[in-house]
Amino acid sequence: MDKEEEEIICLDESFFIDDNYQLTTFSFGSQVLQLFCLHSASTDYDLTGQLVWPGAVLLNNYVSENTHILQGCSVIELGSGVGVTGILCSRFCREVLMTDHNNEVLKILRKNIELHTSSEMPSSAMLAPEKLEWGNSDDLKQILQRYSGGFDLILGADICFQHSNIPPLFDTVKQLLQVRGSGCRFLLSYVSRAKIMDAMVVDEAVQHGMQVSEVKGTRSEVGNLQGVIYEITLQ
């Protein structure tokens, strides 16, 4: 083995994974829920979904104060992570499909769904996890085969981190919106971390034939950052 070969180190992805989840209590308005999550980020493997992010807190506070928007609804959440938003919404919806693209994150999502559905305050909705990688037509096709009527509401909380993910995100959102047309809307809880991303999110939605409106009264500081909830519909 030469020197160059000796310097090559192969690391399994499990090297980066931190699954030391802690049962944590969250309060949103009058709603209290417990779930397993990390309190700090893993290393640089794609595991952002193991945390509860500021945008999820913003969206959860909003829906806890406006539960009427969820009554009787069929909901799909994009980038569910540990499930804090979908699980809260399930207390008021008819059904909630929670999705994520990362298999490790889906494991903790399933664990939290099981915890919630067996707790003293069970969900009133049908709760289900599903793999969905944005822009993956096969993933989306499988979901729409099972949910052929589409969804009343699409949710996304703090899911805009990487520039490369924004076009496939809105590709997926557009296809979901088109199933119901004007009968469906996308609530995106957005936290500003870079001005270029601020512009890209709105521009990409418009380029996909969508209209972006700021939900009145939601612009606020969350985790020392500026957050806002957008309502996004087809034009």
Protein backbone atom coordinates (compact mmCIF):
# COMPACT_ATOMS: atom_id res chain seq x y z
CA MET A 1 0.00 0.00 0.00
CA ASP A 2 1.55 3.33 -1.04
CA LYS A 3 1.37 6.56 0.92
CA GLU A 4 -1.49 7.95 -1.15
CA GLU A 5 -3.63 4.88 -0.45
CA GLU A 6 -2.86 5.11 3.26
CA GLU A 7 -4.29 8.63 3.38
CA ILE A 8 -7.67 7.56 2.00
CA ILE A 9 -10.15 7.17 4.85
CA CYS A 10 -13.57 5.69 4.20
CA LEU A 11 -16.23 6.62 6.73
CA ASP A 12 -19.61 5.00 6.96
CA GLU A 13 -22.48 7.51 7.26
CA SER A 14 -23.22 6.10 10.73
CA PHE A 15 -20.06 7.87 11.91
CA PHE A 16 -21.94 11.16 11.64
CA ILE A 17 -25.25 10.03 13.11
CA ASP A 18 -26.19 11.11 16.61
CA ASP A 19 -29.29 9.26 17.77
CA ASN A 20 -29.10 10.23 21.43
CA TYR A 21 -32.65 11.59 21.35
CA GLN A 22 -34.16 13.17 24.44
CA LEU A 23 -37.83 13.21 25.33
CA THR A 24 -38.67 16.90 25.31
CA THR A 25 -41.81 18.84 26.23
CA PHE A 26 -43.04 21.67 23.98
CA SER A 27 -45.83 24.16 24.62
CA PHE A 28 -47.66 26.07 21.88
CA GLY A 29 -50.46 28.18 23.25
CA SER A 30 -52.62 25.80 25.28
CA GLN A 31 -51.22 22.76 23.49
CA VAL A 32 -48.51 20.65 25.12
CA LEU A 33 -46.77 17.74 23.44
CA GLN A 34 -43.76 15.55 24.02
CA LEU A 35 -41.46 14.06 21.45
CA PHE A 36 -37.96 12.74 20.99
CA CYS A 37 -35.40 15.05 19.37
CA LEU A 38 -31.82 16.24 19.58
CA HIS A 39 -31.00 19.48 21.37
CA SER A 40 -27.99 20.22 19.16
CA ALA A 41 -27.14 19.39 15.57
CA SER A 42 -25.36 16.31 14.37
CA THR A 43 -22.17 16.72 12.35
CA ASP A 44 -22.31 17.45 8.63
CA TYR A 45 -24.38 14.46 7.57
CA ASP A 46 -27.80 15.42 6.18
CA LEU A 47 -29.68 15.22 9.48
CA THR A 48 -31.11 18.68 10.07
CA GLY A 49 -34.46 17.00 10.68
CA GLN A 50 -33.35 15.67 14.06
CA LEU A 51 -33.87 19.12 15.63
CA VAL A 52 -36.86 21.36 16.25
CA TRP A 53 -36.08 24.56 14.33
CA PRO A 54 -37.29 28.14 14.98
CA GLY A 55 -39.62 28.08 11.97
CA ALA A 56 -41.48 25.11 13.46
CA VAL A 57 -42.03 27.07 16.66
CA LEU A 58 -43.37 30.01 14.62
CA LEU A 59 -45.78 27.84 12.63
CA ASN A 60 -46.91 25.85 15.67
CA ASN A 61 -47.66 29.00 17.64
CA TYR A 62 -49.69 30.27 14.69
CA VAL A 63 -51.75 27.13 14.17
CA SER A 64 -52.36 26.73 17.92
CA GLU A 65 -54.00 30.16 17.84
CA ASN A 66 -55.87 29.51 14.58
CA THR A 67 -57.03 25.92 14.86
CA HIS A 68 -60.07 26.67 12.68
CA ILE A 69 -57.84 26.55 9.59
CA LEU A 70 -57.16 22.87 10.34
CA GLN A 71 -60.61 21.61 11.20
CA GLY A 72 -61.56 18.67 9.01
CA CYS A 73 -58.54 19.14 6.74
CA SER A 74 -56.33 16.68 4.96
CA VAL A 75 -52.74 17.86 5.43
CA ILE A 76 -49.34 16.96 4.01
CA GLU A 77 -46.21 18.27 5.68
CA LEU A 78 -42.95 18.59 3.75
CA GLY A 79 -39.69 18.12 5.63
CA SER A 80 -41.40 16.94 8.80
CA GLY A 81 -38.21 16.11 10.70
CA VAL A 82 -39.08 14.84 14.18
CA GLY A 83 -42.73 15.68 13.54
CA VAL A 84 -43.44 18.53 15.94
CA THR A 85 -45.68 20.43 13.51
CA GLY A 86 -47.55 17.50 11.99
CA ILE A 87 -48.24 15.95 15.37
CA LEU A 88 -49.62 19.21 16.75
CA CYS A 89 -51.81 19.69 13.67
CA SER A 90 -53.12 16.14 13.93
CA ARG A 91 -55.09 17.17 17.02
CA PHE A 92 -57.36 19.25 14.78
CA CYS A 93 -57.14 17.71 11.29
CA ARG A 94 -58.84 14.77 9.62
CA GLU A 95 -55.56 13.28 8.41
CA VAL A 96 -51.89 14.26 8.36
CA LEU A 97 -49.24 12.77 6.12
CA MET A 98 -45.76 13.66 7.38
CA THR A 99 -42.87 13.35 4.96
CA ASP A 100 -39.10 13.52 4.92
CA HIS A 101 -36.42 12.33 2.52
CA ASN A 102 -33.86 11.06 5.03
CA ASN A 103 -34.20 7.47 6.23
CA GLU A 104 -32.57 8.16 9.61
CA VAL A 105 -34.93 11.07 10.23
CA LEU A 106 -37.89 8.91 9.20
CA LYS A 107 -36.95 6.49 11.99
CA ILE A 108 -37.33 9.13 14.71
CA LEU A 109 -40.45 10.50 12.99
CA ARG A 110 -42.08 7.07 13.18
CA LYS A 111 -41.04 6.74 16.81
CA ASN A 112 -42.67 10.07 17.67
CA ILE A 113 -45.85 9.18 15.80
CA GLU A 114 -46.03 5.94 17.78
CA LEU A 115 -45.40 7.84 21.02
CA HIS A 116 -48.16 10.31 20.27
CA THR A 117 -50.78 7.85 19.11
CA SER A 118 -50.29 5.76 22.26
CA SER A 119 -50.20 8.70 24.68
CA GLU A 120 -52.91 9.99 26.98
CA MET A 121 -53.76 12.69 24.44
CA PRO A 122 -54.01 10.72 21.20
CA SER A 123 -54.38 12.25 17.79
CA SER A 124 -57.87 12.76 16.42
CA ALA A 125 -56.48 12.35 12.90
CA MET A 126 -55.02 9.57 10.85
CA LEU A 127 -51.25 10.02 11.13
CA ALA A 128 -48.77 8.49 8.71
CA PRO A 129 -45.09 8.92 7.77
CA GLU A 130 -43.85 8.65 4.19
CA LYS A 131 -40.60 9.14 2.31
CA LEU A 132 -40.67 12.11 -0.07
CA GLU A 133 -37.63 13.60 -1.72
CA TRP A 134 -38.54 16.89 -3.37
CA GLY A 135 -38.45 16.62 -7.12
CA ASN A 136 -38.58 12.81 -7.01
CA SER A 137 -41.48 11.94 -9.29
CA ASP A 138 -41.63 8.33 -8.12
CA ASP A 139 -41.98 9.31 -4.45
CA LEU A 140 -44.70 11.83 -5.25
CA LYS A 141 -46.52 9.46 -7.61
CA GLN A 142 -46.76 6.82 -4.89
CA ILE A 143 -48.17 9.34 -2.44
CA LEU A 144 -50.76 10.66 -4.89
CA GLN A 145 -51.83 7.13 -5.74
CA ARG A 146 -52.72 6.62 -2.08
CA TYR A 147 -54.11 10.13 -1.61
CA SER A 148 -55.73 10.56 -5.02
CA GLY A 149 -57.94 13.39 -3.80
CA GLY A 150 -54.94 15.45 -2.82
CA PHE A 151 -54.71 17.62 0.28
CA ASP A 152 -56.42 20.73 1.61
CA LEU A 153 -53.25 22.11 3.11
CA ILE A 154 -49.50 21.77 2.54
CA LEU A 155 -47.22 22.73 5.42
CA GLY A 156 -43.52 23.47 5.56
CA ALA A 157 -41.66 24.75 8.62
CA ASP A 158 -38.09 26.06 8.28
CA ILE A 159 -37.33 23.90 5.25
CA CYS A 160 -35.46 26.44 3.08
CA PHE A 161 -31.76 25.99 3.83
CA GLN A 162 -29.95 25.07 0.62
CA HIS A 163 -30.24 26.91 -2.69
CA SER A 164 -30.23 23.65 -4.65
CA ASN A 165 -33.31 22.40 -2.78
CA ILE A 166 -35.57 25.35 -3.59
CA PRO A 167 -36.44 24.52 -7.24
CA PRO A 168 -37.34 20.86 -6.49
CA LEU A 169 -39.29 22.01 -3.42
CA PHE A 170 -41.52 24.21 -5.56
CA ASP A 171 -41.74 21.56 -8.28
CA THR A 172 -43.25 19.28 -5.65
CA VAL A 173 -45.47 21.97 -4.15
CA LYS A 174 -46.84 22.90 -7.58
CA GLN A 175 -47.82 19.31 -8.33
CA LEU A 176 -49.52 18.99 -4.95
CA LEU A 177 -51.40 22.27 -5.42
CA GLN A 178 -52.59 21.28 -8.89
CA VAL A 179 -54.50 18.26 -7.57
CA ARG A 180 -56.97 20.53 -5.75
CA GLY A 181 -56.33 23.82 -7.55
CA SER A 182 -57.86 26.69 -5.59
CA GLY A 183 -58.91 24.21 -2.90
CA CYS A 184 -55.33 23.83 -1.65
CA ARG A 185 -52.74 26.21 -0.24
CA PHE A 186 -49.19 26.00 1.04
CA LEU A 187 -48.27 27.55 4.39
CA LEU A 188 -44.51 28.06 4.54
CA SER A 189 -42.96 29.15 7.81
CA TYR A 190 -39.81 30.89 6.66
CA VAL A 191 -36.86 32.10 8.75
CA SER A 192 -34.49 34.58 7.16
CA ARG A 193 -30.81 33.63 7.33
CA ALA A 194 -29.53 35.13 4.08
CA LYS A 195 -30.94 37.86 1.83
CA ILE A 196 -30.19 35.84 -1.30
CA MET A 197 -32.37 33.02 0.02
CA ASP A 198 -35.13 35.47 0.96
CA ALA A 199 -35.37 36.58 -2.66
CA MET A 200 -34.90 33.11 -4.11
CA VAL A 201 -37.82 31.57 -2.22
CA VAL A 202 -40.29 34.20 -3.44
CA ASP A 203 -38.86 34.33 -6.98
CA GLU A 204 -38.93 30.56 -7.37
CA ALA A 205 -42.55 30.38 -6.25
CA VAL A 206 -43.53 33.07 -8.76
CA GLN A 207 -41.60 31.34 -11.55
CA HIS A 208 -43.60 28.19 -10.79
CA GLY A 209 -46.86 30.09 -11.32
CA MET A 210 -47.64 30.72 -7.67
CA GLN A 211 -48.77 33.73 -5.69
CA VAL A 212 -47.02 34.52 -2.41
CA SER A 213 -48.77 36.45 0.36
CA GLU A 214 -47.51 37.21 3.85
CA VAL A 215 -49.90 35.98 6.52
CA LYS A 216 -50.85 39.07 8.46
CA GLY A 217 -49.36 39.36 11.93
CA THR A 218 -46.87 36.50 11.59
CA ARG A 219 -43.69 38.46 10.97
CA SER A 220 -41.76 38.20 14.21
CA GLU A 221 -38.43 37.37 15.82
CA VAL A 222 -37.80 33.67 16.42
CA GLY A 223 -34.53 32.43 17.83
CA ASN A 224 -32.90 35.85 17.24
CA LEU A 225 -33.87 35.65 13.56
CA GLN A 226 -36.70 37.19 11.57
CA GLY A 227 -39.48 34.80 10.66
CA VAL A 228 -42.69 35.03 8.67
CA ILE A 229 -45.41 32.71 7.41
CA TYR A 230 -46.24 32.83 3.72
CA GLU A 231 -49.46 31.61 2.14
CA ILE A 232 -48.68 30.29 -1.32
CA THR A 233 -51.33 29.39 -3.89
CA LEU A 234 -51.56 28.84 -7.62
CA GLN A 235 -52.05 32.05 -9.60
